[in-house]
Amino acid sequence: MKTEKILVQCCDCGKIRVDGGWVDTERMPTGAFRTSHGYCPSCLDRAIAEVQSWVDDKDFALQRNVFHAEPVL
């Protein structure tokens, strides 16, 4: 069975996960890869903080009806 190589790229900064670390794209390994996306740790922290600020902003949440979601039928 042939194993496919999957290249994980941060959807925010574009860094590539290589051997458990995150590197800039100019140090990207060569070869044929399938691509998947996620967040590197620093971009994930920033994204979580941004979403948390939206949740903490009651006016923002009320304008978008965040606190009361209608059931999807």
C-alpha atoms as a PDB file:
ATOM      1  CA  MET A   1       0.000   0.000   0.000  1.00  0.00           C
ATOM      2  CA  LYS A   2       1.339   3.406  -1.002  1.00  0.00           C
ATOM      3  CA  THR A   3       1.462   6.022   1.770  1.00  0.00           C
ATOM      4  CA  GLU A   4       0.515   9.538   0.728  1.00  0.00           C
ATOM      5  CA  LYS A   5       2.435  12.472   2.097  1.00  0.00           C
ATOM      6  CA  ILE A   6       0.226  15.221   3.513  1.00  0.00           C
ATOM      7  CA  LEU A   7       1.657  18.702   3.879  1.00  0.00           C
ATOM      8  CA  VAL A   8      -0.036  20.750   6.620  1.00  0.00           C
ATOM      9  CA  GLN A   9      -0.022  24.512   6.018  1.00  0.00           C
ATOM     10  CA  CYS A  10      -1.177  27.228   8.428  1.00  0.00           C
ATOM     11  CA  CYS A  11      -4.267  28.828   6.911  1.00  0.00           C
ATOM     12  CA  ASP A  12      -3.268  32.211   8.358  1.00  0.00           C
ATOM     13  CA  CYS A  13       0.498  32.734   7.999  1.00  0.00           C
ATOM     14  CA  GLY A  14       1.244  30.011   5.447  1.00  0.00           C
ATOM     15  CA  LYS A  15       3.959  28.236   7.450  1.00  0.00           C
ATOM     16  CA  ILE A  16       4.392  24.508   6.835  1.00  0.00           C
ATOM     17  CA  ARG A  17       4.509  21.835   9.558  1.00  0.00           C
ATOM     18  CA  VAL A  18       7.671  19.768   9.165  1.00  0.00           C
ATOM     19  CA  ASP A  19       8.820  17.154  11.686  1.00  0.00           C
ATOM     20  CA  GLY A  20       6.613  18.589  14.432  1.00  0.00           C
ATOM     21  CA  GLY A  21       7.763  22.197  13.910  1.00  0.00           C
ATOM     22  CA  TRP A  22       6.523  25.051  11.744  1.00  0.00           C
ATOM     23  CA  VAL A  23       8.788  26.580   9.071  1.00  0.00           C
ATOM     24  CA  ASP A  24       8.465  29.303   6.448  1.00  0.00           C
ATOM     25  CA  THR A  25       7.456  28.146   2.980  1.00  0.00           C
ATOM     26  CA  GLU A  26      10.909  28.769   1.510  1.00  0.00           C
ATOM     27  CA  ARG A  27      12.118  25.820   3.612  1.00  0.00           C
ATOM     28  CA  MET A  28       9.292  23.631   2.340  1.00  0.00           C
ATOM     29  CA  PRO A  29      10.208  20.034   1.551  1.00  0.00           C
ATOM     30  CA  THR A  30      10.251  18.989  -2.089  1.00  0.00           C
ATOM     31  CA  GLY A  31       8.160  16.277  -3.634  1.00  0.00           C
ATOM     32  CA  ALA A  32       4.539  15.534  -4.342  1.00  0.00           C
ATOM     33  CA  PHE A  33       2.202  16.234  -1.435  1.00  0.00           C
ATOM     34  CA  ARG A  34      -1.479  16.514  -0.735  1.00  0.00           C
ATOM     35  CA  THR A  35      -2.219  19.673   1.224  1.00  0.00           C
ATOM     36  CA  SER A  36      -4.216  20.093   4.402  1.00  0.00           C
ATOM     37  CA  HIS A  37      -4.739  23.263   6.402  1.00  0.00           C
ATOM     38  CA  GLY A  38      -4.748  24.070  10.086  1.00  0.00           C
ATOM     39  CA  TYR A  39      -3.291  26.682  12.421  1.00  0.00           C
ATOM     40  CA  CYS A  40       0.261  26.945  13.685  1.00  0.00           C
ATOM     41  CA  PRO A  41       0.374  27.514  17.479  1.00  0.00           C
ATOM     42  CA  SER A  42       0.913  31.295  17.331  1.00  0.00           C
ATOM     43  CA  CYS A  43      -1.869  31.859  14.771  1.00  0.00           C
ATOM     44  CA  LEU A  44      -4.192  29.569  16.734  1.00  0.00           C
ATOM     45  CA  ASP A  45      -3.602  31.606  19.907  1.00  0.00           C
ATOM     46  CA  ARG A  46      -4.314  34.822  17.987  1.00  0.00           C
ATOM     47  CA  ALA A  47      -7.489  33.376  16.403  1.00  0.00           C
ATOM     48  CA  ILE A  48      -8.797  32.131  19.756  1.00  0.00           C
ATOM     49  CA  ALA A  49      -8.177  35.551  21.332  1.00  0.00           C
ATOM     50  CA  GLU A  50     -10.017  37.248  18.464  1.00  0.00           C
ATOM     51  CA  VAL A  51     -13.048  34.968  18.738  1.00  0.00           C
ATOM     52  CA  GLN A  52     -13.044  35.359  22.539  1.00  0.00           C
ATOM     53  CA  SER A  53     -13.095  39.146  22.121  1.00  0.00           C
ATOM     54  CA  TRP A  54     -16.199  38.787  19.921  1.00  0.00           C
ATOM     55  CA  VAL A  55     -17.898  36.643  22.546  1.00  0.00           C
ATOM     56  CA  ASP A  56     -16.946  39.121  25.273  1.00  0.00           C
ATOM     57  CA  ASP A  57     -18.322  42.035  23.217  1.00  0.00           C
ATOM     58  CA  LYS A  58     -22.006  41.827  24.150  1.00  0.00           C
ATOM     59  CA  ASP A  59     -23.078  44.381  21.510  1.00  0.00           C
ATOM     60  CA  PHE A  60     -21.368  42.383  18.777  1.00  0.00           C
ATOM     61  CA  ALA A  61     -22.959  39.169  20.028  1.00  0.00           C
ATOM     62  CA  LEU A  62     -26.443  40.689  20.306  1.00  0.00           C
ATOM     63  CA  GLN A  63     -26.257  42.198  16.809  1.00  0.00           C
ATOM     64  CA  ARG A  64     -25.509  38.774  15.399  1.00  0.00           C
ATOM     65  CA  ASN A  65     -27.939  36.909  17.654  1.00  0.00           C
ATOM     66  CA  VAL A  66     -25.103  34.769  19.029  1.00  0.00           C
ATOM     67  CA  PHE A  67     -26.853  34.047  22.306  1.00  0.00           C
ATOM     68  CA  HIS A  68     -30.043  32.691  20.741  1.00  0.00           C
ATOM     69  CA  ALA A  69     -29.714  30.341  17.832  1.00  0.00           C
ATOM     70  CA  GLU A  70     -32.790  29.066  16.054  1.00  0.00           C
ATOM     71  CA  PRO A  71     -32.901  25.299  15.662  1.00  0.00           C
ATOM     72  CA  VAL A  72     -32.072  24.011  12.211  1.00  0.00           C
ATOM     73  CA  LEU A  73     -34.827  21.739  10.910  1.00  0.00           C
END
